[in-house]
PDB file of all heavy atoms in Angstrom:
ATOM      1  N   PRO A   1       0.806  -1.209  -0.004  1.00  0.00           N
ATOM      2  CA  PRO A   1       0.005   0.030   0.007  1.00  0.00           C
ATOM      3  C   PRO A   1       0.847   1.241   0.022  1.00  0.00           C
ATOM      4  O   PRO A   1       1.946   1.302   0.535  1.00  0.00           O
ATOM      5  CB  PRO A   1      -0.830  -0.138   1.307  1.00  0.00           C
ATOM      6  CG  PRO A   1      -0.740  -1.525   1.728  1.00  0.00           C
ATOM      7  CD  PRO A   1       0.529  -2.076   1.208  1.00  0.00           C
ATOM      8  N   ASN A   2       0.348   2.320  -0.662  1.00  0.00           N
ATOM      9  CA  ASN A   2       1.061   3.599  -0.754  1.00  0.00           C
ATOM     10  C   ASN A   2       0.742   4.413   0.474  1.00  0.00           C
ATOM     11  O   ASN A   2       0.243   5.530   0.424  1.00  0.00           O
ATOM     12  CB  ASN A   2       0.590   4.304  -1.956  1.00  0.00           C
ATOM     13  CG  ASN A   2       1.474   5.608  -2.178  1.00  0.00           C
ATOM     14  OD1 ASN A   2       2.600   5.697  -1.691  1.00  0.00           O
ATOM     15  ND2 ASN A   2       0.942   6.571  -2.895  1.00  0.00           N
ATOM     16  N   THR A   3       1.048   3.796   1.708  1.00  0.00           N
ATOM     17  CA  THR A   3       0.878   4.543   2.946  1.00  0.00           C
ATOM     18  C   THR A   3       1.764   3.818   3.960  1.00  0.00           C
ATOM     19  O   THR A   3       2.237   2.686   3.753  1.00  0.00           O
ATOM     20  CB  THR A   3      -0.567   4.569   3.404  1.00  0.00           C
ATOM     21  OG1 THR A   3      -0.693   5.352   4.569  1.00  0.00           O
ATOM     22  CG2 THR A   3      -1.094   3.146   3.699  1.00  0.00           C
ATOM     23  N   ARG A   4       1.980   4.413   5.145  1.00  0.00           N
ATOM     24  CA  ARG A   4       2.795   3.838   6.173  1.00  0.00           C
ATOM     25  C   ARG A   4       1.790   2.919   7.050  1.00  0.00           C
ATOM     26  O   ARG A   4       0.975   3.405   7.781  1.00  0.00           O
ATOM     27  CB  ARG A   4       3.377   4.904   7.057  1.00  0.00           C
ATOM     28  CG  ARG A   4       4.331   4.341   8.111  1.00  0.00           C
ATOM     29  CD  ARG A   4       4.905   5.428   8.996  1.00  0.00           C
ATOM     30  NE  ARG A   4       5.712   4.889   9.993  1.00  0.00           N
ATOM     31  CZ  ARG A   4       5.262   4.529  11.239  1.00  0.00           C
ATOM     32  NH1 ARG A   4       3.932   4.689  11.475  1.00  0.00           N
ATOM     33  NH2 ARG A   4       5.984   4.045  12.180  1.00  0.00           N
ATOM     34  N   VAL A   5       2.004   1.649   6.896  1.00  0.00           N
ATOM     35  CA  VAL A   5       1.193   0.686   7.654  1.00  0.00           C
ATOM     36  C   VAL A   5       2.119   0.190   8.857  1.00  0.00           C
ATOM     37  O   VAL A   5       3.231  -0.243   8.601  1.00  0.00           O
ATOM     38  CB  VAL A   5       0.862  -0.539   6.835  1.00  0.00           C
ATOM     39  CG1 VAL A   5       0.000  -1.516   7.600  1.00  0.00           C
ATOM     40  CG2 VAL A   5       0.040  -0.093   5.588  1.00  0.00           C
ATOM     41  N   ARG A   6       1.539   0.366  10.011  1.00  0.00           N
ATOM     42  CA  ARG A   6       2.318  -0.077  11.197  1.00  0.00           C
ATOM     43  C   ARG A   6       2.413  -1.615  11.256  1.00  0.00           C
ATOM     44  O   ARG A   6       1.515  -2.387  10.759  1.00  0.00           O
ATOM     45  CB  ARG A   6       1.687   0.442  12.506  1.00  0.00           C
ATOM     46  CG  ARG A   6       1.659   1.943  12.632  1.00  0.00           C
ATOM     47  CD  ARG A   6       1.385   2.380  14.052  1.00  0.00           C
ATOM     48  NE  ARG A   6       0.206   1.857  14.547  1.00  0.00           N
ATOM     49  CZ  ARG A   6      -1.045   2.434  14.458  1.00  0.00           C
ATOM     50  NH1 ARG A   6      -1.101   3.625  13.853  1.00  0.00           N
ATOM     51  NH2 ARG A   6      -2.135   1.854  14.971  1.00  0.00           N
ATOM     52  N   PHE A   7       3.477  -2.152  11.893  1.00  0.00           N
ATOM     53  CA  PHE A   7       3.720  -3.594  11.917  1.00  0.00           C
ATOM     54  C   PHE A   7       2.607  -4.290  12.693  1.00  0.00           C
ATOM     55  O   PHE A   7       2.212  -5.375  12.241  1.00  0.00           O
ATOM     56  CB  PHE A   7       5.077  -3.895  12.497  1.00  0.00           C
ATOM     57  CG  PHE A   7       5.392  -5.326  12.598  1.00  0.00           C
ATOM     58  CD1 PHE A   7       5.763  -6.021  11.458  1.00  0.00           C
ATOM     59  CD2 PHE A   7       5.298  -5.995  13.874  1.00  0.00           C
ATOM     60  CE1 PHE A   7       6.014  -7.443  11.600  1.00  0.00           C
ATOM     61  CE2 PHE A   7       5.565  -7.377  13.938  1.00  0.00           C
ATOM     62  CZ  PHE A   7       5.948  -8.083  12.791  1.00  0.00           C
ATOM     63  N   GLY A   8       2.147  -3.723  13.776  1.00  0.00           N
ATOM     64  CA  GLY A   8       1.134  -4.404  14.597  1.00  0.00           C
ATOM     65  C   GLY A   8      -0.150  -4.683  13.816  1.00  0.00           C
ATOM     66  O   GLY A   8      -0.568  -5.856  13.758  1.00  0.00           O
ATOM     67  N   PRO A   9      -0.751  -3.720  13.224  1.00  0.00           N
ATOM     68  CA  PRO A   9      -1.972  -3.969  12.412  1.00  0.00           C
ATOM     69  C   PRO A   9      -1.767  -4.858  11.281  1.00  0.00           C
ATOM     70  O   PRO A   9      -2.530  -5.728  10.995  1.00  0.00           O
ATOM     71  CB  PRO A   9      -2.414  -2.556  11.983  1.00  0.00           C
ATOM     72  CG  PRO A   9      -1.904  -1.602  13.009  1.00  0.00           C
ATOM     73  CD  PRO A   9      -0.577  -2.197  13.443  1.00  0.00           C
ATOM     74  N   ALA A  10      -0.511  -4.766  10.553  1.00  0.00           N
ATOM     75  CA  ALA A  10      -0.265  -5.629   9.477  1.00  0.00           C
ATOM     76  C   ALA A  10      -0.120  -7.060   9.937  1.00  0.00           C
ATOM     77  O   ALA A  10      -0.603  -8.015   9.251  1.00  0.00           O
ATOM     78  CB  ALA A  10       1.018  -5.152   8.812  1.00  0.00           C
ATOM     79  N   LEU A  11       0.469  -7.300  11.119  1.00  0.00           N
ATOM     80  CA  LEU A  11       0.642  -8.645  11.625  1.00  0.00           C
ATOM     81  C   LEU A  11      -0.735  -9.244  12.075  1.00  0.00           C
ATOM     82  O   LEU A  11      -0.950 -10.386  11.790  1.00  0.00           O
ATOM     83  CB  LEU A  11       1.531  -8.600  12.883  1.00  0.00           C
ATOM     84  CG  LEU A  11       1.809  -9.977  13.505  1.00  0.00           C
ATOM     85  CD1 LEU A  11       2.485 -10.905  12.479  1.00  0.00           C
ATOM     86  CD2 LEU A  11       2.745  -9.821  14.778  1.00  0.00           C
ATOM     87  N   ILE A  12      -1.573  -8.400  12.616  1.00  0.00           N
ATOM     88  CA  ILE A  12      -2.983  -8.883  13.013  1.00  0.00           C
ATOM     89  C   ILE A  12      -3.741  -9.240  11.729  1.00  0.00           C
ATOM     90  O   ILE A  12      -4.346 -10.339  11.658  1.00  0.00           O
ATOM     91  CB  ILE A  12      -3.716  -7.784  13.792  1.00  0.00           C
ATOM     92  CG1 ILE A  12      -3.082  -7.614  15.104  1.00  0.00           C
ATOM     93  CG2 ILE A  12      -5.165  -8.233  13.922  1.00  0.00           C
ATOM     94  CD1 ILE A  12      -3.653  -6.436  15.928  1.00  0.00           C
ATOM     95  N   GLY A  13      -3.683  -8.413  10.692  1.00  0.00           N
ATOM     96  CA  GLY A  13      -4.346  -8.719   9.431  1.00  0.00           C
ATOM     97  C   GLY A  13      -3.665  -9.940   8.808  1.00  0.00           C
ATOM     98  O   GLY A  13      -4.446 -10.864   8.229  1.00  0.00           O
ATOM     99  N   GLY A  14      -2.352 -10.057   8.827  1.00  0.00           N
ATOM    100  CA  GLY A  14      -1.723 -11.229   8.189  1.00  0.00           C
ATOM    101  C   GLY A  14      -2.025 -12.510   8.993  1.00  0.00           C
ATOM    102  O   GLY A  14      -2.212 -13.587   8.360  1.00  0.00           O
ATOM    103  N   ALA A  15      -2.125 -12.420  10.286  1.00  0.00           N
ATOM    104  CA  ALA A  15      -2.445 -13.617  11.097  1.00  0.00           C
ATOM    105  C   ALA A  15      -3.871 -14.161  10.785  1.00  0.00           C
ATOM    106  O   ALA A  15      -4.040 -15.297  10.522  1.00  0.00           O
ATOM    107  CB  ALA A  15      -2.288 -13.326  12.574  1.00  0.00           C
ATOM    108  N   VAL A  16      -4.837 -13.227  10.796  1.00  0.00           N
ATOM    109  CA  VAL A  16      -6.208 -13.637  10.489  1.00  0.00           C
ATOM    110  C   VAL A  16      -6.267 -14.103   9.024  1.00  0.00           C
ATOM    111  O   VAL A  16      -6.886 -15.193   8.774  1.00  0.00           O
ATOM    112  CB  VAL A  16      -7.167 -12.460  10.773  1.00  0.00           C
ATOM    113  CG1 VAL A  16      -8.623 -12.898  10.362  1.00  0.00           C
ATOM    114  CG2 VAL A  16      -7.125 -12.019  12.257  1.00  0.00           C
ATOM    115  N   GLY A  17      -5.689 -13.360   8.104  1.00  0.00           N
ATOM    116  CA  GLY A  17      -5.785 -13.727   6.737  1.00  0.00           C
ATOM    117  C   GLY A  17      -5.078 -15.092   6.479  1.00  0.00           C
ATOM    118  O   GLY A  17      -5.601 -15.954   5.729  1.00  0.00           O
ATOM    119  N   GLY A  18      -3.876 -15.323   7.125  1.00  0.00           N
ATOM    120  CA  GLY A  18      -3.196 -16.526   6.928  1.00  0.00           C
ATOM    121  C   GLY A  18      -3.945 -17.771   7.531  1.00  0.00           C
ATOM    122  O   GLY A  18      -4.021 -18.830   6.808  1.00  0.00           O
ATOM    123  N   ILE A  19      -4.559 -17.575   8.666  1.00  0.00           N
ATOM    124  CA  ILE A  19      -5.285 -18.717   9.245  1.00  0.00           C
ATOM    125  C   ILE A  19      -6.550 -19.011   8.334  1.00  0.00           C
ATOM    126  O   ILE A  19      -6.865 -20.191   8.128  1.00  0.00           O
ATOM    127  CB  ILE A  19      -5.711 -18.366  10.685  1.00  0.00           C
ATOM    128  CG1 ILE A  19      -4.435 -18.296  11.542  1.00  0.00           C
ATOM    129  CG2 ILE A  19      -6.695 -19.409  11.212  1.00  0.00           C
ATOM    130  CD1 ILE A  19      -4.733 -17.780  12.929  1.00  0.00           C
ATOM    131  N   VAL A  20      -7.201 -17.969   7.889  1.00  0.00           N
ATOM    132  CA  VAL A  20      -8.369 -18.208   7.068  1.00  0.00           C
ATOM    133  C   VAL A  20      -8.011 -18.813   5.778  1.00  0.00           C
ATOM    134  O   VAL A  20      -8.731 -19.687   5.261  1.00  0.00           O
ATOM    135  CB  VAL A  20      -9.160 -16.801   6.815  1.00  0.00           C
ATOM    136  CG1 VAL A  20     -10.256 -16.978   5.768  1.00  0.00           C
ATOM    137  CG2 VAL A  20      -9.723 -16.318   8.130  1.00  0.00           C
ATOM    138  N   TRP A  21      -6.823 -18.426   5.187  1.00  0.00           N
ATOM    139  CA  TRP A  21      -6.406 -18.995   3.903  1.00  0.00           C
ATOM    140  C   TRP A  21      -6.081 -20.422   4.023  1.00  0.00           C
ATOM    141  O   TRP A  21      -6.508 -21.223   3.151  1.00  0.00           O
ATOM    142  CB  TRP A  21      -5.170 -18.173   3.428  1.00  0.00           C
ATOM    143  CG  TRP A  21      -4.798 -18.550   2.021  1.00  0.00           C
ATOM    144  CD1 TRP A  21      -5.309 -18.078   0.857  1.00  0.00           C
ATOM    145  CD2 TRP A  21      -3.748 -19.542   1.647  1.00  0.00           C
ATOM    146  NE1 TRP A  21      -4.654 -18.633  -0.242  1.00  0.00           N
ATOM    147  CE2 TRP A  21      -3.715 -19.536   0.199  1.00  0.00           C
ATOM    148  CE3 TRP A  21      -2.849 -20.265   2.367  1.00  0.00           C
ATOM    149  CZ2 TRP A  21      -2.828 -20.343  -0.473  1.00  0.00           C
ATOM    150  CZ3 TRP A  21      -1.982 -21.070   1.641  1.00  0.00           C
ATOM    151  CH2 TRP A  21      -1.995 -21.086   0.252  1.00  0.00           C
ATOM    152  N   GLN A  22      -5.383 -20.842   5.107  1.00  0.00           N
ATOM    153  CA  GLN A  22      -5.039 -22.222   5.232  1.00  0.00           C
ATOM    154  C   GLN A  22      -6.342 -23.077   5.506  1.00  0.00           C
ATOM    155  O   GLN A  22      -6.467 -24.208   5.022  1.00  0.00           O
ATOM    156  CB  GLN A  22      -4.107 -22.388   6.452  1.00  0.00           C
ATOM    157  CG  GLN A  22      -2.671 -22.044   6.130  1.00  0.00           C
ATOM    158  CD  GLN A  22      -1.984 -23.110   5.237  1.00  0.00           C
ATOM    159  OE1 GLN A  22      -2.349 -23.266   4.085  1.00  0.00           O
ATOM    160  NE2 GLN A  22      -1.081 -23.793   5.811  1.00  0.00           N
ATOM    161  N   THR A  23      -7.271 -22.504   6.327  1.00  0.00           N
ATOM    162  CA  THR A  23      -8.490 -23.254   6.599  1.00  0.00           C
ATOM    163  C   THR A  23      -9.311 -23.342   5.347  1.00  0.00           C
ATOM    164  O   THR A  23      -9.940 -24.422   5.065  1.00  0.00           O
ATOM    165  CB  THR A  23      -9.289 -22.426   7.711  1.00  0.00           C
ATOM    166  OG1 THR A  23      -8.490 -22.310   8.837  1.00  0.00           O
ATOM    167  CG2 THR A  23     -10.551 -23.214   8.067  1.00  0.00           C
ATOM    168  N   ALA A  24      -9.350 -22.288   4.516  1.00  0.00           N
ATOM    169  CA  ALA A  24     -10.113 -22.322   3.235  1.00  0.00           C
ATOM    170  C   ALA A  24      -9.437 -23.384   2.327  1.00  0.00           C
ATOM    171  O   ALA A  24     -10.204 -24.050   1.543  1.00  0.00           O
ATOM    172  CB  ALA A  24     -10.096 -20.947   2.557  1.00  0.00           C
ATOM    173  N   GLY A  25      -8.133 -23.520   2.381  1.00  0.00           N
ATOM    174  CA  GLY A  25      -7.448 -24.484   1.612  1.00  0.00           C
ATOM    175  C   GLY A  25      -7.923 -25.924   1.927  1.00  0.00           C
ATOM    176  O   GLY A  25      -8.166 -26.783   1.041  1.00  0.00           O
ATOM    177  N   TRP A  26      -8.057 -26.170   3.206  1.00  0.00           N
ATOM    178  CA  TRP A  26      -8.560 -27.523   3.589  1.00  0.00           C
ATOM    179  C   TRP A  26      -9.992 -27.757   3.126  1.00  0.00           C
ATOM    180  O   TRP A  26     -10.350 -28.849   2.617  1.00  0.00           O
ATOM    181  CB  TRP A  26      -8.525 -27.673   5.153  1.00  0.00           C
ATOM    182  CG  TRP A  26      -7.176 -27.807   5.700  1.00  0.00           C
ATOM    183  CD1 TRP A  26      -5.983 -28.104   5.014  1.00  0.00           C
ATOM    184  CD2 TRP A  26      -6.744 -27.633   7.066  1.00  0.00           C
ATOM    185  NE1 TRP A  26      -4.921 -28.133   5.872  1.00  0.00           N
ATOM    186  CE2 TRP A  26      -5.313 -27.888   7.163  1.00  0.00           C
ATOM    187  CE3 TRP A  26      -7.461 -27.472   8.286  1.00  0.00           C
ATOM    188  CZ2 TRP A  26      -4.638 -27.826   8.342  1.00  0.00           C
ATOM    189  CZ3 TRP A  26      -6.742 -27.350   9.465  1.00  0.00           C
ATOM    190  CH2 TRP A  26      -5.354 -27.606   9.445  1.00  0.00           C
ATOM    191  N   VAL A  27     -10.843 -26.771   3.349  1.00  0.00           N
ATOM    192  CA  VAL A  27     -12.212 -26.930   2.887  1.00  0.00           C
ATOM    193  C   VAL A  27     -12.335 -27.082   1.340  1.00  0.00           C
ATOM    194  O   VAL A  27     -13.110 -27.867   0.863  1.00  0.00           O
ATOM    195  CB  VAL A  27     -13.063 -25.701   3.403  1.00  0.00           C
ATOM    196  CG1 VAL A  27     -14.476 -25.750   2.799  1.00  0.00           C
ATOM    197  CG2 VAL A  27     -13.061 -25.558   4.875  1.00  0.00           C
ATOM    198  N   PHE A  28     -11.511 -26.299   0.723  1.00  0.00           N
ATOM    199  CA  PHE A  28     -11.557 -26.374  -0.842  1.00  0.00           C
ATOM    200  C   PHE A  28     -10.977 -27.720  -1.244  1.00  0.00           C
ATOM    201  O   PHE A  28     -11.430 -28.216  -2.310  1.00  0.00           O
ATOM    202  CB  PHE A  28     -10.747 -25.234  -1.428  1.00  0.00           C
ATOM    203  CG  PHE A  28     -10.979 -25.066  -2.927  1.00  0.00           C
ATOM    204  CD1 PHE A  28     -12.023 -24.343  -3.373  1.00  0.00           C
ATOM    205  CD2 PHE A  28     -10.103 -25.565  -3.805  1.00  0.00           C
ATOM    206  CE1 PHE A  28     -12.294 -24.255  -4.735  1.00  0.00           C
ATOM    207  CE2 PHE A  28     -10.250 -25.483  -5.096  1.00  0.00           C
ATOM    208  CZ  PHE A  28     -11.339 -24.752  -5.591  1.00  0.00           C
ATOM    209  N   ALA A  29     -10.054 -28.273  -0.533  1.00  0.00           N
ATOM    210  CA  ALA A  29      -9.476 -29.625  -0.950  1.00  0.00           C
ATOM    211  C   ALA A  29     -10.581 -30.634  -0.823  1.00  0.00           C
ATOM    212  O   ALA A  29     -10.729 -31.539  -1.710  1.00  0.00           O
ATOM    213  CB  ALA A  29      -8.318 -29.977  -0.037  1.00  0.00           C
ATOM    214  N   ILE A  30     -11.414 -30.591   0.241  1.00  0.00           N
ATOM    215  CA  ILE A  30     -12.539 -31.535   0.313  1.00  0.00           C
ATOM    216  C   ILE A  30     -13.512 -31.329  -0.800  1.00  0.00           C
ATOM    217  O   ILE A  30     -14.021 -32.225  -1.465  1.00  0.00           O
ATOM    218  CB  ILE A  30     -13.234 -31.329   1.715  1.00  0.00           C
ATOM    219  CG1 ILE A  30     -12.320 -31.654   2.807  1.00  0.00           C
ATOM    220  CG2 ILE A  30     -14.491 -32.180   1.758  1.00  0.00           C
ATOM    221  CD1 ILE A  30     -12.868 -31.301   4.252  1.00  0.00           C
ATOM    222  N   PHE A  31     -13.844 -30.009  -1.126  1.00  0.00           N
ATOM    223  CA  PHE A  31     -14.698 -29.669  -2.294  1.00  0.00           C
ATOM    224  C   PHE A  31     -14.162 -30.251  -3.555  1.00  0.00           C
ATOM    225  O   PHE A  31     -14.890 -30.831  -4.378  1.00  0.00           O
ATOM    226  CB  PHE A  31     -14.917 -28.198  -2.352  1.00  0.00           C
ATOM    227  CG  PHE A  31     -15.528 -27.714  -3.584  1.00  0.00           C
ATOM    228  CD1 PHE A  31     -16.889 -27.896  -3.823  1.00  0.00           C
ATOM    229  CD2 PHE A  31     -14.802 -27.111  -4.645  1.00  0.00           C
ATOM    230  CE1 PHE A  31     -17.461 -27.510  -5.015  1.00  0.00           C
ATOM    231  CE2 PHE A  31     -15.420 -26.637  -5.791  1.00  0.00           C
ATOM    232  CZ  PHE A  31     -16.723 -26.860  -5.982  1.00  0.00           C
ATOM    233  N   ALA A  32     -12.842 -30.069  -3.840  1.00  0.00           N
ATOM    234  CA  ALA A  32     -12.215 -30.477  -5.087  1.00  0.00           C
ATOM    235  C   ALA A  32     -12.235 -31.999  -5.214  1.00  0.00           C
ATOM    236  O   ALA A  32     -12.387 -32.560  -6.286  1.00  0.00           O
ATOM    237  CB  ALA A  32     -10.854 -29.940  -5.188  1.00  0.00           C
ATOM    238  N   ALA A  33     -12.020 -32.706  -4.060  1.00  0.00           N
ATOM    239  CA  ALA A  33     -12.027 -34.142  -4.121  1.00  0.00           C
ATOM    240  C   ALA A  33     -13.387 -34.715  -4.391  1.00  0.00           C
ATOM    241  O   ALA A  33     -13.497 -35.838  -4.945  1.00  0.00           O
ATOM    242  CB  ALA A  33     -11.538 -34.658  -2.711  1.00  0.00           C
ATOM    243  N   SER A  34     -14.431 -33.971  -4.071  1.00  0.00           N
ATOM    244  CA  SER A  34     -15.831 -34.482  -4.291  1.00  0.00           C
ATOM    245  C   SER A  34     -16.479 -33.827  -5.496  1.00  0.00           C
ATOM    246  O   SER A  34     -17.708 -33.803  -5.614  1.00  0.00           O
ATOM    247  CB  SER A  34     -16.654 -34.251  -3.064  1.00  0.00           C
ATOM    248  OG  SER A  34     -16.713 -32.900  -2.763  1.00  0.00           O
ATOM    249  N   SER A  35     -15.663 -33.285  -6.404  1.00  0.00           N
ATOM    250  CA  SER A  35     -16.217 -32.534  -7.518  1.00  0.00           C
ATOM    251  C   SER A  35     -16.111 -33.347  -8.799  1.00  0.00           C
ATOM    252  O   SER A  35     -15.735 -32.745  -9.827  1.00  0.00           O
ATOM    253  CB  SER A  35     -15.543 -31.169  -7.660  1.00  0.00           C
ATOM    254  OG  SER A  35     -14.153 -31.320  -7.880  1.00  0.00           O
ATOM    255  N   ASN A  36     -16.386 -34.593  -8.782  1.00  0.00           N
ATOM    256  CA  ASN A  36     -16.389 -35.417 -10.017  1.00  0.00           C
ATOM    257  C   ASN A  36     -17.323 -34.984 -11.003  1.00  0.00           C
ATOM    258  O   ASN A  36     -17.171 -35.117 -12.190  1.00  0.00           O
ATOM    259  CB  ASN A  36     -16.521 -36.897  -9.674  1.00  0.00           C
ATOM    260  CG  ASN A  36     -15.348 -37.386  -8.759  1.00  0.00           C
ATOM    261  OD1 ASN A  36     -14.196 -36.917  -8.866  1.00  0.00           O
ATOM    262  ND2 ASN A  36     -15.702 -38.388  -7.851  1.00  0.00           N
ATOM    263  N   SER A  37     -18.473 -34.430 -10.547  1.00  0.00           N
ATOM    264  CA  SER A  37     -19.531 -33.983 -11.442  1.00  0.00           C
ATOM    265  C   SER A  37     -19.012 -32.868 -12.326  1.00  0.00           C
ATOM    266  O   SER A  37     -19.475 -32.727 -13.500  1.00  0.00           O
ATOM    267  CB  SER A  37     -20.745 -33.540 -10.657  1.00  0.00           C
ATOM    268  OG  SER A  37     -20.429 -32.556  -9.735  1.00  0.00           O
ATOM    269  N   TYR A  38     -18.133 -32.017 -11.756  1.00  0.00           N
ATOM    270  CA  TYR A  38     -17.653 -30.922 -12.595  1.00  0.00           C
ATOM    271  C   TYR A  38     -16.760 -31.450 -13.750  1.00  0.00           C
ATOM    272  O   TYR A  38     -16.838 -30.924 -14.858  1.00  0.00           O
ATOM    273  CB  TYR A  38     -16.737 -29.995 -11.733  1.00  0.00           C
ATOM    274  CG  TYR A  38     -17.527 -29.089 -10.836  1.00  0.00           C
ATOM    275  CD1 TYR A  38     -17.848 -29.427  -9.577  1.00  0.00           C
ATOM    276  CD2 TYR A  38     -17.911 -27.817 -11.332  1.00  0.00           C
ATOM    277  CE1 TYR A  38     -18.596 -28.574  -8.765  1.00  0.00           C
ATOM    278  CE2 TYR A  38     -18.639 -26.930 -10.539  1.00  0.00           C
ATOM    279  CZ  TYR A  38     -19.023 -27.355  -9.253  1.00  0.00           C
ATOM    280  OH  TYR A  38     -19.754 -26.513  -8.444  1.00  0.00           O
ATOM    281  N   ALA A  39     -15.992 -32.524 -13.537  1.00  0.00           N
ATOM    282  CA  ALA A  39     -15.211 -33.110 -14.559  1.00  0.00           C
ATOM    283  C   ALA A  39     -16.110 -33.739 -15.654  1.00  0.00           C
ATOM    284  O   ALA A  39     -15.824 -33.658 -16.789  1.00  0.00           O
ATOM    285  CB  ALA A  39     -14.312 -34.182 -14.011  1.00  0.00           C
ATOM    286  N   ALA A  40     -17.287 -34.320 -15.205  1.00  0.00           N
ATOM    287  CA  ALA A  40     -18.190 -34.838 -16.152  1.00  0.00           C
ATOM    288  C   ALA A  40     -18.851 -33.799 -17.024  1.00  0.00           C
ATOM    289  O   ALA A  40     -19.126 -33.984 -18.207  1.00  0.00           O
ATOM    290  CB  ALA A  40     -19.245 -35.660 -15.396  1.00  0.00           C
ATOM    291  N   ILE A  41     -19.129 -32.642 -16.463  1.00  0.00           N
ATOM    292  CA  ILE A  41     -19.854 -31.547 -17.113  1.00  0.00           C
ATOM    293  C   ILE A  41     -18.852 -30.762 -17.984  1.00  0.00           C
ATOM    294  O   ILE A  41     -19.061 -30.518 -19.137  1.00  0.00           O
ATOM    295  CB  ILE A  41     -20.578 -30.643 -16.160  1.00  0.00           C
ATOM    296  CG1 ILE A  41     -21.698 -31.456 -15.346  1.00  0.00           C
ATOM    297  CG2 ILE A  41     -21.194 -29.465 -16.859  1.00  0.00           C
ATOM    298  CD1 ILE A  41     -22.289 -30.645 -14.320  1.00  0.00           C
ATOM    299  N   TYR A  42     -17.719 -30.298 -17.354  1.00  0.00           N
ATOM    300  CA  TYR A  42     -16.802 -29.429 -18.059  1.00  0.00           C
ATOM    301  C   TYR A  42     -15.656 -30.084 -18.739  1.00  0.00           C
ATOM    302  O   TYR A  42     -14.868 -29.466 -19.395  1.00  0.00           O
ATOM    303  CB  TYR A  42     -16.290 -28.374 -17.044  1.00  0.00           C
ATOM    304  CG  TYR A  42     -17.378 -27.459 -16.485  1.00  0.00           C
ATOM    305  CD1 TYR A  42     -17.921 -27.719 -15.261  1.00  0.00           C
ATOM    306  CD2 TYR A  42     -17.793 -26.374 -17.265  1.00  0.00           C
ATOM    307  CE1 TYR A  42     -18.882 -26.885 -14.780  1.00  0.00           C
ATOM    308  CE2 TYR A  42     -18.809 -25.542 -16.763  1.00  0.00           C
ATOM    309  CZ  TYR A  42     -19.350 -25.775 -15.496  1.00  0.00           C
ATOM    310  OH  TYR A  42     -20.257 -24.901 -14.976  1.00  0.00           O
ATOM    311  N   SER A  43     -15.498 -31.343 -18.518  1.00  0.00           N
ATOM    312  CA  SER A  43     -14.399 -32.194 -19.140  1.00  0.00           C
ATOM    313  C   SER A  43     -13.053 -31.564 -18.900  1.00  0.00           C
ATOM    314  O   SER A  43     -12.779 -31.342 -17.715  1.00  0.00           O
ATOM    315  CB  SER A  43     -14.702 -32.215 -20.656  1.00  0.00           C
ATOM    316  OG  SER A  43     -13.706 -33.087 -21.271  1.00  0.00           O
ATOM    317  N   GLY A  44     -12.282 -31.285 -19.869  1.00  0.00           N
ATOM    318  CA  GLY A  44     -10.968 -30.742 -19.700  1.00  0.00           C
ATOM    319  C   GLY A  44     -10.950 -29.316 -19.081  1.00  0.00           C
ATOM    320  O   GLY A  44      -9.859 -28.931 -18.564  1.00  0.00           O
ATOM    321  N   PHE A  45     -12.054 -28.589 -19.098  1.00  0.00           N
ATOM    322  CA  PHE A  45     -12.106 -27.251 -18.502  1.00  0.00           C
ATOM    323  C   PHE A  45     -12.286 -27.252 -16.999  1.00  0.00           C
ATOM    324  O   PHE A  45     -12.204 -26.249 -16.351  1.00  0.00           O
ATOM    325  CB  PHE A  45     -13.205 -26.449 -19.125  1.00  0.00           C
ATOM    326  CG  PHE A  45     -12.982 -26.070 -20.565  1.00  0.00           C
ATOM    327  CD1 PHE A  45     -13.531 -26.775 -21.588  1.00  0.00           C
ATOM    328  CD2 PHE A  45     -12.073 -24.976 -20.888  1.00  0.00           C
ATOM    329  CE1 PHE A  45     -13.313 -26.423 -22.870  1.00  0.00           C
ATOM    330  CE2 PHE A  45     -11.850 -24.646 -22.218  1.00  0.00           C
ATOM    331  CZ  PHE A  45     -12.465 -25.403 -23.223  1.00  0.00           C
ATOM    332  N   ALA A  46     -12.524 -28.496 -16.444  1.00  0.00           N
ATOM    333  CA  ALA A  46     -12.769 -28.537 -15.004  1.00  0.00           C
ATOM    334  C   ALA A  46     -11.597 -28.093 -14.170  1.00  0.00           C
ATOM    335  O   ALA A  46     -11.750 -27.401 -13.140  1.00  0.00           O
ATOM    336  CB  ALA A  46     -13.158 -29.971 -14.622  1.00  0.00           C
TER     337      ALA A  46
END
């Protein structure tokens, strides 16, 4: 960002964002593993 961001707020945002991103990765992995219907519908575009 084109402004002075303090380390504390950036770390809080990074901590929440990082935890949410990793958690979303686990949830999305479950979704991707059970998305065989997408492969049947979209074929190579899935």
